[in-house]
Amino acid sequence: MKKGTLKGLAVALGLSMVMVGCSNAGTPQGNQPAEGNTGTSAPNSVGAQVDHKIIGIDPGAGLMKATEKAMKDYDLKDWELVEGSSAAMTAALTQAYKDKKPIIVTGWTPHWMFSKFEMKYLEDPKGTFGKDEQIHTIVRKGLKEEHPSAYAFLDKFTWTPADMEKVMLDIAGGKKPEEAAAEWVKNNEATVNKWVEGIQPAEGKKLTLAYVAWDSEIASTNVVKTVLEQKLKYKVELSQVEAGPMWVGVSNGDVDGMVAAWLPTTHADYMEKLGKDVEDLGPNLQGTKLGLAVPAYMEINSIEDLKK
C-alpha cells in the first residue's frame, strides 16, 4: 500500500469528471422564479409551482446521472436539474417543508429526511432509477494479507437502514459525525461485539478509508472508523472525495477500502471499469432506494405528472 497522502486522487478526479460528464456545481436557490423561464406547463401545474427545477446534489453522484436520464426518459425538456451538494439540497428541502411550499429533490434511502419529514418518492413507471440497491464494502487487493484484522471486521460489517438513519439524524441535529458515531457504537454494544468477535487488535496500524459526502456515507464511514479505533486499535484516516477518486483510490492501493459503494446501479460504471482491481466484500446494507422525492403534502404521485 502507498503511504501518506492519496497522491493518485488528483488524477482520479479527472477520470471521475470524464466518466460522469459533470460540470461545476451550483447552489440550489430554493423555489424563486427564474427570469425568462420558458416552461409550457399550465400556471397551476407542479412545474410552474417549483419553477421547473429539481433540486439535486453534487454533479459527480450517480443519482444525478440517473436523474438526468429520467428527465430524458420522461421528456422533461422544460425542466432543470440544479447541481449543488447534499447539504444544500437538504437545506432547501428543510426551508420549503417549514414553509409548506412545493419542492422536488433527488432522494435516496436511507436518509434522515425520511425520518424527520413526511416524504414520498414519485412513482417511476419507466423504471429509470432501477430497483432497490445495496451498499457494498469494497477493499483493495492485498488487504486480507496485510491487515487481516481490518479485513475480517469489514467483511462482517453489516447494519440496517434504521441504524444508519439514527446516526444521520443525530448529525443533522448538530452533532459532529465522530460524536454521533461514537454514541451509536456505545448504544449498540451487542451488535458491535458481533462484528469484532474473535478478531485480534492491530495495535496502532494505519488504515485509510474513502467516502463520498452523502449523509449516509458520512454516517457509515464514521461508525466503521470508530469501531476500528476503539475495538481493534487501528489509526484510521478518512478521505472525503468524489465517487470516481474513491473507486480509483481503492483500485490502485492509495486507499484501503470504502463502505460506500452503491450497487448494482449507482456505481455501475465504476464497478465495470475497476471491479477487477478491487475486492467486493458484499453488501453492508440492504434496502436502499433512489428517485425523486417530494413532501407528502404535495398532490403529485408520479414522475409522469411533471409533464402536466
C-alpha atoms as a PDB file:
ATOM      1  CA  MET A   1       0.000   0.000   0.000  1.00  0.00           C
ATOM      2  CA  LYS A   2       1.175   3.507  -0.726  1.00  0.00           C
ATOM      3  CA  LYS A   3       1.610   5.551   2.457  1.00  0.00           C
ATOM      4  CA  GLY A   4       0.933   9.205   3.221  1.00  0.00           C
ATOM      5  CA  THR A   5      -1.333  11.362   1.147  1.00  0.00           C
ATOM      6  CA  LEU A   6      -3.607   9.986  -1.543  1.00  0.00           C
ATOM      7  CA  LYS A   7      -1.308  11.030  -4.330  1.00  0.00           C
ATOM      8  CA  GLY A   8      -3.298   9.278  -7.053  1.00  0.00           C
ATOM      9  CA  LEU A   9      -6.527  11.074  -6.365  1.00  0.00           C
ATOM     10  CA  ALA A  10      -5.847  14.252  -8.318  1.00  0.00           C
ATOM     11  CA  VAL A  11      -5.571  12.210 -11.493  1.00  0.00           C
ATOM     12  CA  ALA A  12      -8.524  10.114 -10.403  1.00  0.00           C
ATOM     13  CA  LEU A  13     -10.704  13.175 -10.058  1.00  0.00           C
ATOM     14  CA  GLY A  14     -10.115  13.880 -13.703  1.00  0.00           C
ATOM     15  CA  LEU A  15     -11.217  10.344 -14.532  1.00  0.00           C
ATOM     16  CA  SER A  16     -14.319  10.839 -12.433  1.00  0.00           C
ATOM     17  CA  MET A  17     -15.217  14.025 -14.265  1.00  0.00           C
ATOM     18  CA  VAL A  18     -14.858  12.295 -17.624  1.00  0.00           C
ATOM     19  CA  MET A  19     -16.922   9.294 -16.521  1.00  0.00           C
ATOM     20  CA  VAL A  20     -19.886  11.224 -15.224  1.00  0.00           C
ATOM     21  CA  GLY A  21     -19.676  14.208 -17.556  1.00  0.00           C
ATOM     22  CA  CYS A  22     -20.249  16.624 -14.736  1.00  0.00           C
ATOM     23  CA  SER A  23     -19.947  20.390 -14.689  1.00  0.00           C
ATOM     24  CA  ASN A  24     -19.163  22.921 -11.995  1.00  0.00           C
ATOM     25  CA  ALA A  25     -21.502  22.622  -9.013  1.00  0.00           C
ATOM     26  CA  GLY A  26     -24.012  25.305  -8.182  1.00  0.00           C
ATOM     27  CA  THR A  27     -26.036  26.002  -5.085  1.00  0.00           C
ATOM     28  CA  PRO A  28     -29.796  25.468  -5.058  1.00  0.00           C
ATOM     29  CA  GLN A  29     -31.652  28.710  -4.753  1.00  0.00           C
ATOM     30  CA  GLY A  30     -34.922  27.324  -3.467  1.00  0.00           C
ATOM     31  CA  ASN A  31     -38.069  27.975  -5.456  1.00  0.00           C
ATOM     32  CA  GLN A  32     -37.635  31.595  -6.507  1.00  0.00           C
ATOM     33  CA  PRO A  33     -38.930  32.234 -10.043  1.00  0.00           C
ATOM     34  CA  ALA A  34     -36.217  32.459 -12.679  1.00  0.00           C
ATOM     35  CA  GLU A  35     -36.279  35.188 -15.298  1.00  0.00           C
ATOM     36  CA  GLY A  36     -37.151  34.056 -18.770  1.00  0.00           C
ATOM     37  CA  ASN A  37     -38.485  30.600 -17.833  1.00  0.00           C
ATOM     38  CA  THR A  38     -39.877  29.045 -20.976  1.00  0.00           C
ATOM     39  CA  GLY A  39     -41.831  26.208 -19.399  1.00  0.00           C
ATOM     40  CA  THR A  40     -45.043  25.370 -21.203  1.00  0.00           C
ATOM     41  CA  SER A  41     -46.925  23.933 -18.209  1.00  0.00           C
ATOM     42  CA  ALA A  42     -50.211  25.379 -17.016  1.00  0.00           C
ATOM     43  CA  PRO A  43     -49.947  28.208 -14.449  1.00  0.00           C
ATOM     44  CA  ASN A  44     -51.084  25.943 -11.578  1.00  0.00           C
ATOM     45  CA  SER A  45     -49.055  22.889 -12.582  1.00  0.00           C
ATOM     46  CA  VAL A  46     -46.381  21.385 -10.362  1.00  0.00           C
ATOM     47  CA  GLY A  47     -43.764  22.591 -12.829  1.00  0.00           C
ATOM     48  CA  ALA A  48     -44.926  26.184 -12.527  1.00  0.00           C
ATOM     49  CA  GLN A  49     -45.032  25.907  -8.725  1.00  0.00           C
ATOM     50  CA  VAL A  50     -41.378  24.850  -8.482  1.00  0.00           C
ATOM     51  CA  ASP A  51     -40.170  26.895 -11.478  1.00  0.00           C
ATOM     52  CA  HIS A  52     -39.424  23.655 -13.345  1.00  0.00           C
ATOM     53  CA  LYS A  53     -36.493  22.893 -11.049  1.00  0.00           C
ATOM     54  CA  ILE A  54     -35.402  19.626  -9.448  1.00  0.00           C
ATOM     55  CA  ILE A  55     -33.008  20.287  -6.567  1.00  0.00           C
ATOM     56  CA  GLY A  56     -30.057  17.930  -6.875  1.00  0.00           C
ATOM     57  CA  ILE A  57     -26.790  17.188  -5.120  1.00  0.00           C
ATOM     58  CA  ASP A  58     -23.133  17.084  -6.240  1.00  0.00           C
ATOM     59  CA  PRO A  59     -22.720  16.624 -10.008  1.00  0.00           C
ATOM     60  CA  GLY A  60     -20.433  13.621  -9.580  1.00  0.00           C
ATOM     61  CA  ALA A  61     -23.115  11.487  -7.937  1.00  0.00           C
ATOM     62  CA  GLY A  62     -24.656   8.525  -9.711  1.00  0.00           C
ATOM     63  CA  LEU A  63     -28.040   9.761  -8.514  1.00  0.00           C
ATOM     64  CA  MET A  64     -27.585  12.885 -10.632  1.00  0.00           C
ATOM     65  CA  LYS A  65     -26.724  10.799 -13.670  1.00  0.00           C
ATOM     66  CA  ALA A  66     -29.843   8.689 -13.096  1.00  0.00           C
ATOM     67  CA  THR A  67     -31.954  11.843 -12.732  1.00  0.00           C
ATOM     68  CA  GLU A  68     -30.628  13.256 -15.987  1.00  0.00           C
ATOM     69  CA  LYS A  69     -31.611  10.005 -17.691  1.00  0.00           C
ATOM     70  CA  ALA A  70     -35.069  10.148 -16.078  1.00  0.00           C
ATOM     71  CA  MET A  71     -35.567  13.673 -17.410  1.00  0.00           C
ATOM     72  CA  LYS A  72     -34.858  12.370 -20.926  1.00  0.00           C
ATOM     73  CA  ASP A  73     -36.960   9.232 -20.496  1.00  0.00           C
ATOM     74  CA  TYR A  74     -39.946  11.249 -19.302  1.00  0.00           C
ATOM     75  CA  ASP A  75     -39.379  14.076 -21.821  1.00  0.00           C
ATOM     76  CA  LEU A  76     -38.957  16.769 -19.151  1.00  0.00           C
ATOM     77  CA  LYS A  77     -37.289  19.115 -21.614  1.00  0.00           C
ATOM     78  CA  ASP A  78     -38.510  22.265 -19.840  1.00  0.00           C
ATOM     79  CA  TRP A  79     -37.009  21.185 -16.529  1.00  0.00           C
ATOM     80  CA  GLU A  80     -33.650  21.997 -14.923  1.00  0.00           C
ATOM     81  CA  LEU A  81     -31.648  19.752 -12.594  1.00  0.00           C
ATOM     82  CA  VAL A  82     -29.952  22.105 -10.118  1.00  0.00           C
ATOM     83  CA  GLU A  83     -26.460  20.961  -9.143  1.00  0.00           C
ATOM     84  CA  GLY A  84     -25.198  21.597  -5.634  1.00  0.00           C
ATOM     85  CA  SER A  85     -24.452  19.320  -2.703  1.00  0.00           C
ATOM     86  CA  SER A  86     -26.228  17.045  -0.266  1.00  0.00           C
ATOM     87  CA  ALA A  87     -26.122  19.786   2.370  1.00  0.00           C
ATOM     88  CA  ALA A  88     -27.515  22.419   0.003  1.00  0.00           C
ATOM     89  CA  MET A  89     -30.303  20.101  -1.110  1.00  0.00           C
ATOM     90  CA  THR A  90     -31.397  19.288   2.427  1.00  0.00           C
ATOM     91  CA  ALA A  91     -31.218  22.964   3.415  1.00  0.00           C
ATOM     92  CA  ALA A  92     -33.552  23.841   0.543  1.00  0.00           C
ATOM     93  CA  LEU A  93     -35.875  20.981   1.494  1.00  0.00           C
ATOM     94  CA  THR A  94     -35.902  21.976   5.170  1.00  0.00           C
ATOM     95  CA  GLN A  95     -36.883  25.557   4.345  1.00  0.00           C
ATOM     96  CA  ALA A  96     -39.542  24.517   1.840  1.00  0.00           C
ATOM     97  CA  TYR A  97     -41.020  21.995   4.272  1.00  0.00           C
ATOM     98  CA  LYS A  98     -41.090  24.584   7.047  1.00  0.00           C
ATOM     99  CA  ASP A  99     -42.999  26.974   4.760  1.00  0.00           C
ATOM    100  CA  LYS A 100     -45.162  24.163   3.315  1.00  0.00           C
ATOM    101  CA  LYS A 101     -44.006  25.071  -0.179  1.00  0.00           C
ATOM    102  CA  PRO A 102     -43.651  22.606  -3.055  1.00  0.00           C
ATOM    103  CA  ILE A 103     -40.213  21.234  -3.844  1.00  0.00           C
ATOM    104  CA  ILE A 104     -38.804  18.269  -5.756  1.00  0.00           C
ATOM    105  CA  VAL A 105     -35.458  16.817  -4.701  1.00  0.00           C
ATOM    106  CA  THR A 106     -33.191  13.956  -5.658  1.00  0.00           C
ATOM    107  CA  GLY A 107     -33.716  11.467  -2.856  1.00  0.00           C
ATOM    108  CA  TRP A 108     -32.191   8.291  -1.551  1.00  0.00           C
ATOM    109  CA  THR A 109     -32.889   5.887   1.281  1.00  0.00           C
ATOM    110  CA  PRO A 110     -31.517   5.585   3.919  1.00  0.00           C
ATOM    111  CA  HIS A 111     -31.563   9.320   4.610  1.00  0.00           C
ATOM    112  CA  TRP A 112     -32.570  11.284   7.681  1.00  0.00           C
ATOM    113  CA  MET A 113     -35.033  13.417   5.691  1.00  0.00           C
ATOM    114  CA  PHE A 114     -37.409  10.439   5.555  1.00  0.00           C
ATOM    115  CA  SER A 115     -37.289  10.178   9.356  1.00  0.00           C
ATOM    116  CA  LYS A 116     -37.615  13.900  10.030  1.00  0.00           C
ATOM    117  CA  PHE A 117     -40.164  14.807   7.343  1.00  0.00           C
ATOM    118  CA  GLU A 118     -43.196  13.118   5.807  1.00  0.00           C
ATOM    119  CA  MET A 119     -41.837  12.401   2.347  1.00  0.00           C
ATOM    120  CA  LYS A 120     -42.749  10.206  -0.607  1.00  0.00           C
ATOM    121  CA  TYR A 121     -40.999   9.013  -3.743  1.00  0.00           C
ATOM    122  CA  LEU A 122     -42.594   9.795  -7.071  1.00  0.00           C
ATOM    123  CA  GLU A 123     -43.560   6.627  -8.889  1.00  0.00           C
ATOM    124  CA  ASP A 124     -41.160   5.649 -11.669  1.00  0.00           C
ATOM    125  CA  PRO A 125     -43.232   3.590 -14.135  1.00  0.00           C
ATOM    126  CA  LYS A 126     -40.411   3.511 -16.700  1.00  0.00           C
ATOM    127  CA  GLY A 127     -38.017   2.069 -14.106  1.00  0.00           C
ATOM    128  CA  THR A 128     -35.279   4.596 -14.863  1.00  0.00           C
ATOM    129  CA  PHE A 129     -33.988   4.677 -11.281  1.00  0.00           C
ATOM    130  CA  GLY A 130     -33.799   0.900 -11.170  1.00  0.00           C
ATOM    131  CA  LYS A 131     -34.699  -1.493  -8.416  1.00  0.00           C
ATOM    132  CA  ASP A 132     -33.679  -1.258  -4.777  1.00  0.00           C
ATOM    133  CA  GLU A 133     -29.913  -1.255  -4.357  1.00  0.00           C
ATOM    134  CA  GLN A 134     -27.362  -2.364  -1.799  1.00  0.00           C
ATOM    135  CA  ILE A 135     -24.388  -0.564  -0.269  1.00  0.00           C
ATOM    136  CA  HIS A 136     -21.256  -2.693  -0.603  1.00  0.00           C
ATOM    137  CA  THR A 137     -17.915  -2.786   1.184  1.00  0.00           C
ATOM    138  CA  ILE A 138     -15.018  -2.629  -1.280  1.00  0.00           C
ATOM    139  CA  VAL A 139     -11.365  -3.121  -0.302  1.00  0.00           C
ATOM    140  CA  ARG A 140      -8.057  -3.035  -2.117  1.00  0.00           C
ATOM    141  CA  LYS A 141      -6.324  -6.159  -3.293  1.00  0.00           C
ATOM    142  CA  GLY A 142      -3.906  -7.471  -0.670  1.00  0.00           C
ATOM    143  CA  LEU A 143      -5.726  -6.050   2.361  1.00  0.00           C
ATOM    144  CA  LYS A 144      -6.527  -9.518   3.695  1.00  0.00           C
ATOM    145  CA  GLU A 145      -2.844 -10.445   3.795  1.00  0.00           C
ATOM    146  CA  GLU A 146      -1.523  -7.098   5.109  1.00  0.00           C
ATOM    147  CA  HIS A 147      -4.319  -6.204   7.537  1.00  0.00           C
ATOM    148  CA  PRO A 148      -6.205  -9.412   8.412  1.00  0.00           C
ATOM    149  CA  SER A 149      -7.959  -7.846  11.412  1.00  0.00           C
ATOM    150  CA  ALA A 150      -9.350  -4.923   9.430  1.00  0.00           C
ATOM    151  CA  TYR A 151     -10.323  -7.255   6.598  1.00  0.00           C
ATOM    152  CA  ALA A 152     -12.155  -9.609   8.967  1.00  0.00           C
ATOM    153  CA  PHE A 153     -14.142  -6.751  10.539  1.00  0.00           C
ATOM    154  CA  LEU A 154     -15.005  -5.098   7.220  1.00  0.00           C
ATOM    155  CA  ASP A 155     -16.158  -8.477   5.937  1.00  0.00           C
ATOM    156  CA  LYS A 156     -18.521  -8.810   8.932  1.00  0.00           C
ATOM    157  CA  PHE A 157     -19.771  -5.224   8.998  1.00  0.00           C
ATOM    158  CA  THR A 158     -23.484  -5.007   8.222  1.00  0.00           C
ATOM    159  CA  TRP A 159     -26.307  -2.923   9.636  1.00  0.00           C
ATOM    160  CA  THR A 160     -29.838  -1.721   8.888  1.00  0.00           C
ATOM    161  CA  PRO A 161     -31.305   1.429   7.332  1.00  0.00           C
ATOM    162  CA  ALA A 162     -32.779   2.296  10.758  1.00  0.00           C
ATOM    163  CA  ASP A 163     -29.292   2.112  12.305  1.00  0.00           C
ATOM    164  CA  MET A 164     -27.852   4.369   9.639  1.00  0.00           C
ATOM    165  CA  GLU A 165     -30.705   6.865   9.836  1.00  0.00           C
ATOM    166  CA  LYS A 166     -30.224   7.214  13.606  1.00  0.00           C
ATOM    167  CA  VAL A 167     -26.612   8.337  13.090  1.00  0.00           C
ATOM    168  CA  MET A 168     -27.582  10.605  10.184  1.00  0.00           C
ATOM    169  CA  LEU A 169     -30.378  12.236  12.169  1.00  0.00           C
ATOM    170  CA  ASP A 170     -28.025  12.956  15.086  1.00  0.00           C
ATOM    171  CA  ILE A 171     -25.538  14.576  12.683  1.00  0.00           C
ATOM    172  CA  ALA A 172     -28.302  16.603  11.060  1.00  0.00           C
ATOM    173  CA  GLY A 173     -29.324  17.694  14.551  1.00  0.00           C
ATOM    174  CA  GLY A 174     -25.934  19.280  15.182  1.00  0.00           C
ATOM    175  CA  LYS A 175     -23.637  16.536  16.453  1.00  0.00           C
ATOM    176  CA  LYS A 176     -20.250  16.067  14.851  1.00  0.00           C
ATOM    177  CA  PRO A 177     -20.040  12.874  12.772  1.00  0.00           C
ATOM    178  CA  GLU A 178     -17.469  11.312  15.081  1.00  0.00           C
ATOM    179  CA  GLU A 179     -19.624  12.105  18.131  1.00  0.00           C
ATOM    180  CA  ALA A 180     -22.774  10.648  16.589  1.00  0.00           C
ATOM    181  CA  ALA A 181     -20.860   7.542  15.524  1.00  0.00           C
ATOM    182  CA  ALA A 182     -19.311   7.054  18.968  1.00  0.00           C
ATOM    183  CA  GLU A 183     -22.727   7.374  20.610  1.00  0.00           C
ATOM    184  CA  TRP A 184     -24.234   4.786  18.269  1.00  0.00           C
ATOM    185  CA  VAL A 185     -21.351   2.372  18.930  1.00  0.00           C
ATOM    186  CA  LYS A 186     -21.797   2.838  22.687  1.00  0.00           C
ATOM    187  CA  ASN A 187     -25.555   2.236  22.491  1.00  0.00           C
ATOM    188  CA  ASN A 188     -25.254  -0.824  20.231  1.00  0.00           C
ATOM    189  CA  GLU A 189     -22.558  -2.784  22.014  1.00  0.00           C
ATOM    190  CA  ALA A 190     -24.069  -6.209  21.272  1.00  0.00           C
ATOM    191  CA  THR A 191     -24.076  -5.565  17.529  1.00  0.00           C
ATOM    192  CA  VAL A 192     -20.563  -4.145  17.549  1.00  0.00           C
ATOM    193  CA  ASN A 193     -19.212  -7.068  19.576  1.00  0.00           C
ATOM    194  CA  LYS A 194     -20.508  -9.488  16.936  1.00  0.00           C
ATOM    195  CA  TRP A 195     -18.624  -7.532  14.266  1.00  0.00           C
ATOM    196  CA  VAL A 196     -15.291  -7.860  16.096  1.00  0.00           C
ATOM    197  CA  GLU A 197     -15.750 -11.217  17.815  1.00  0.00           C
ATOM    198  CA  GLY A 198     -12.584 -13.313  17.574  1.00  0.00           C
ATOM    199  CA  ILE A 199     -10.579 -10.585  15.806  1.00  0.00           C
ATOM    200  CA  GLN A 200      -7.191  -9.622  17.220  1.00  0.00           C
ATOM    201  CA  PRO A 201      -6.437  -5.882  17.779  1.00  0.00           C
ATOM    202  CA  ALA A 202      -3.909  -4.359  15.391  1.00  0.00           C
ATOM    203  CA  GLU A 203      -2.175  -2.086  17.950  1.00  0.00           C
ATOM    204  CA  GLY A 204      -1.614   1.147  16.074  1.00  0.00           C
ATOM    205  CA  LYS A 205      -1.502   0.039  12.451  1.00  0.00           C
ATOM    206  CA  LYS A 206      -2.729   2.667   9.976  1.00  0.00           C
ATOM    207  CA  LEU A 207      -5.643   2.477   7.567  1.00  0.00           C
ATOM    208  CA  THR A 208      -7.200   4.906   5.115  1.00  0.00           C
ATOM    209  CA  LEU A 209     -10.896   4.821   4.219  1.00  0.00           C
ATOM    210  CA  ALA A 210     -12.504   6.900   1.484  1.00  0.00           C
ATOM    211  CA  TYR A 211     -16.096   8.082   1.270  1.00  0.00           C
ATOM    212  CA  VAL A 212     -18.340  10.453  -0.645  1.00  0.00           C
ATOM    213  CA  ALA A 213     -20.070  13.379   1.051  1.00  0.00           C
ATOM    214  CA  TRP A 214     -23.507  11.778   1.236  1.00  0.00           C
ATOM    215  CA  ASP A 215     -25.078  11.877   4.689  1.00  0.00           C
ATOM    216  CA  SER A 216     -25.443   8.090   4.569  1.00  0.00           C
ATOM    217  CA  GLU A 217     -21.760   7.512   3.807  1.00  0.00           C
ATOM    218  CA  ILE A 218     -20.606  10.073   6.366  1.00  0.00           C
ATOM    219  CA  ALA A 219     -22.567   8.086   8.964  1.00  0.00           C
ATOM    220  CA  SER A 220     -21.394   4.608   7.970  1.00  0.00           C
ATOM    221  CA  THR A 221     -17.732   5.531   7.457  1.00  0.00           C
ATOM    222  CA  ASN A 222     -17.505   7.259  10.833  1.00  0.00           C
ATOM    223  CA  VAL A 223     -19.079   4.267  12.575  1.00  0.00           C
ATOM    224  CA  VAL A 224     -16.567   1.934  10.907  1.00  0.00           C
ATOM    225  CA  LYS A 225     -13.713   4.271  11.862  1.00  0.00           C
ATOM    226  CA  THR A 226     -14.892   4.335  15.477  1.00  0.00           C
ATOM    227  CA  VAL A 227     -15.021   0.541  15.714  1.00  0.00           C
ATOM    228  CA  LEU A 228     -11.624   0.113  14.071  1.00  0.00           C
ATOM    229  CA  GLU A 229     -10.072   2.583  16.513  1.00  0.00           C
ATOM    230  CA  GLN A 230     -11.902   1.691  19.728  1.00  0.00           C
ATOM    231  CA  LYS A 231     -12.133  -2.066  19.377  1.00  0.00           C
ATOM    232  CA  LEU A 232      -9.266  -3.016  17.071  1.00  0.00           C
ATOM    233  CA  LYS A 233      -6.767  -0.248  17.939  1.00  0.00           C
ATOM    234  CA  TYR A 234      -6.146   0.952  14.382  1.00  0.00           C
ATOM    235  CA  LYS A 235      -5.285   4.532  13.472  1.00  0.00           C
ATOM    236  CA  VAL A 236      -7.742   5.472  10.758  1.00  0.00           C
ATOM    237  CA  GLU A 237      -7.548   8.364   8.317  1.00  0.00           C
ATOM    238  CA  LEU A 238     -10.688   9.363   6.415  1.00  0.00           C
ATOM    239  CA  SER A 239     -10.571  10.886   2.947  1.00  0.00           C
ATOM    240  CA  GLN A 240     -13.665  12.624   1.563  1.00  0.00           C
ATOM    241  CA  VAL A 241     -13.580  12.585  -2.235  1.00  0.00           C
ATOM    242  CA  GLU A 242     -15.849  12.299  -5.263  1.00  0.00           C
ATOM    243  CA  ALA A 243     -17.114   8.878  -6.334  1.00  0.00           C
ATOM    244  CA  GLY A 244     -14.508   8.447  -9.087  1.00  0.00           C
ATOM    245  CA  PRO A 245     -11.455   9.122  -6.892  1.00  0.00           C
ATOM    246  CA  MET A 246     -12.950   6.894  -4.193  1.00  0.00           C
ATOM    247  CA  TRP A 247     -13.072   3.911  -6.549  1.00  0.00           C
ATOM    248  CA  VAL A 248      -9.734   4.665  -8.200  1.00  0.00           C
ATOM    249  CA  GLY A 249      -8.072   5.141  -4.802  1.00  0.00           C
ATOM    250  CA  VAL A 250      -9.113   1.665  -3.707  1.00  0.00           C
ATOM    251  CA  SER A 251      -8.220   0.103  -7.051  1.00  0.00           C
ATOM    252  CA  ASN A 252      -4.666   1.481  -7.096  1.00  0.00           C
ATOM    253  CA  GLY A 253      -3.960   0.919  -3.395  1.00  0.00           C
ATOM    254  CA  ASP A 254      -3.886   4.543  -2.218  1.00  0.00           C
ATOM    255  CA  VAL A 255      -6.983   3.733  -0.138  1.00  0.00           C
ATOM    256  CA  ASP A 256      -7.523   0.582   1.927  1.00  0.00           C
ATOM    257  CA  GLY A 257     -11.273   0.433   1.474  1.00  0.00           C
ATOM    258  CA  MET A 258     -14.719   2.006   1.492  1.00  0.00           C
ATOM    259  CA  VAL A 259     -18.163   1.097   2.799  1.00  0.00           C
ATOM    260  CA  ALA A 260     -19.901   3.396   0.311  1.00  0.00           C
ATOM    261  CA  ALA A 261     -20.347   1.515  -2.991  1.00  0.00           C
ATOM    262  CA  TRP A 262     -23.946   1.711  -4.231  1.00  0.00           C
ATOM    263  CA  LEU A 263     -24.625  -1.280  -6.473  1.00  0.00           C
ATOM    264  CA  PRO A 264     -25.735  -2.502  -8.912  1.00  0.00           C
ATOM    265  CA  THR A 265     -26.906   0.797 -10.458  1.00  0.00           C
ATOM    266  CA  THR A 266     -25.432   3.977  -8.957  1.00  0.00           C
ATOM    267  CA  HIS A 267     -21.767   2.962  -9.205  1.00  0.00           C
ATOM    268  CA  ALA A 268     -22.215   0.559 -12.112  1.00  0.00           C
ATOM    269  CA  ASP A 269     -19.735   2.454 -14.330  1.00  0.00           C
ATOM    270  CA  TYR A 270     -17.008   2.306 -11.716  1.00  0.00           C
ATOM    271  CA  MET A 271     -17.561  -1.372 -10.984  1.00  0.00           C
ATOM    272  CA  GLU A 272     -17.427  -2.166 -14.692  1.00  0.00           C
ATOM    273  CA  LYS A 273     -14.154  -0.272 -15.201  1.00  0.00           C
ATOM    274  CA  LEU A 274     -12.397  -1.011 -11.905  1.00  0.00           C
ATOM    275  CA  GLY A 275     -14.080  -4.083 -10.432  1.00  0.00           C
ATOM    276  CA  LYS A 276     -11.271  -6.407 -11.499  1.00  0.00           C
ATOM    277  CA  ASP A 277      -8.795  -4.356  -9.439  1.00  0.00           C
ATOM    278  CA  VAL A 278     -10.707  -4.389  -6.131  1.00  0.00           C
ATOM    279  CA  GLU A 279     -12.304  -6.957  -3.838  1.00  0.00           C
ATOM    280  CA  ASP A 280     -16.043  -6.764  -3.201  1.00  0.00           C
ATOM    281  CA  LEU A 281     -16.890  -7.998   0.302  1.00  0.00           C
ATOM    282  CA  GLY A 282     -20.600  -7.830  -0.427  1.00  0.00           C
ATOM    283  CA  PRO A 283     -23.423  -5.669   0.928  1.00  0.00           C
ATOM    284  CA  ASN A 284     -23.166  -3.980   4.317  1.00  0.00           C
ATOM    285  CA  LEU A 285     -26.705  -2.588   3.989  1.00  0.00           C
ATOM    286  CA  GLN A 286     -29.800  -3.841   2.174  1.00  0.00           C
ATOM    287  CA  GLY A 287     -32.851  -1.891   1.092  1.00  0.00           C
ATOM    288  CA  THR A 288     -31.601   1.318  -0.480  1.00  0.00           C
ATOM    289  CA  LYS A 289     -33.649   3.316  -2.958  1.00  0.00           C
ATOM    290  CA  LEU A 290     -33.076   6.193  -5.370  1.00  0.00           C
ATOM    291  CA  GLY A 291     -35.566   8.522  -7.006  1.00  0.00           C
ATOM    292  CA  LEU A 292     -37.290  11.877  -6.990  1.00  0.00           C
ATOM    293  CA  ALA A 293     -38.854  12.747  -3.648  1.00  0.00           C
ATOM    294  CA  VAL A 294     -41.407  15.334  -2.551  1.00  0.00           C
ATOM    295  CA  PRO A 295     -43.090  16.315   0.723  1.00  0.00           C
ATOM    296  CA  ALA A 296     -46.208  14.230   1.372  1.00  0.00           C
ATOM    297  CA  TYR A 297     -48.385  17.352   1.296  1.00  0.00           C
ATOM    298  CA  MET A 298     -47.779  17.745  -2.447  1.00  0.00           C
ATOM    299  CA  GLU A 299     -50.580  16.396  -4.663  1.00  0.00           C
ATOM    300  CA  ILE A 300     -48.380  14.553  -7.111  1.00  0.00           C
ATOM    301  CA  ASN A 301     -47.603  10.838  -7.273  1.00  0.00           C
ATOM    302  CA  SER A 302     -45.615  10.053 -10.412  1.00  0.00           C
ATOM    303  CA  ILE A 303     -42.698  11.432 -12.424  1.00  0.00           C
ATOM    304  CA  GLU A 304     -45.066  11.384 -15.381  1.00  0.00           C
ATOM    305  CA  ASP A 305     -47.175  14.036 -13.630  1.00  0.00           C
ATOM    306  CA  LEU A 306     -44.324  16.519 -14.079  1.00  0.00           C
ATOM    307  CA  LYS A 307     -45.219  16.852 -17.760  1.00  0.00           C
ATOM    308  CA  LYS A 308     -48.684  18.218 -16.969  1.00  0.00           C
END
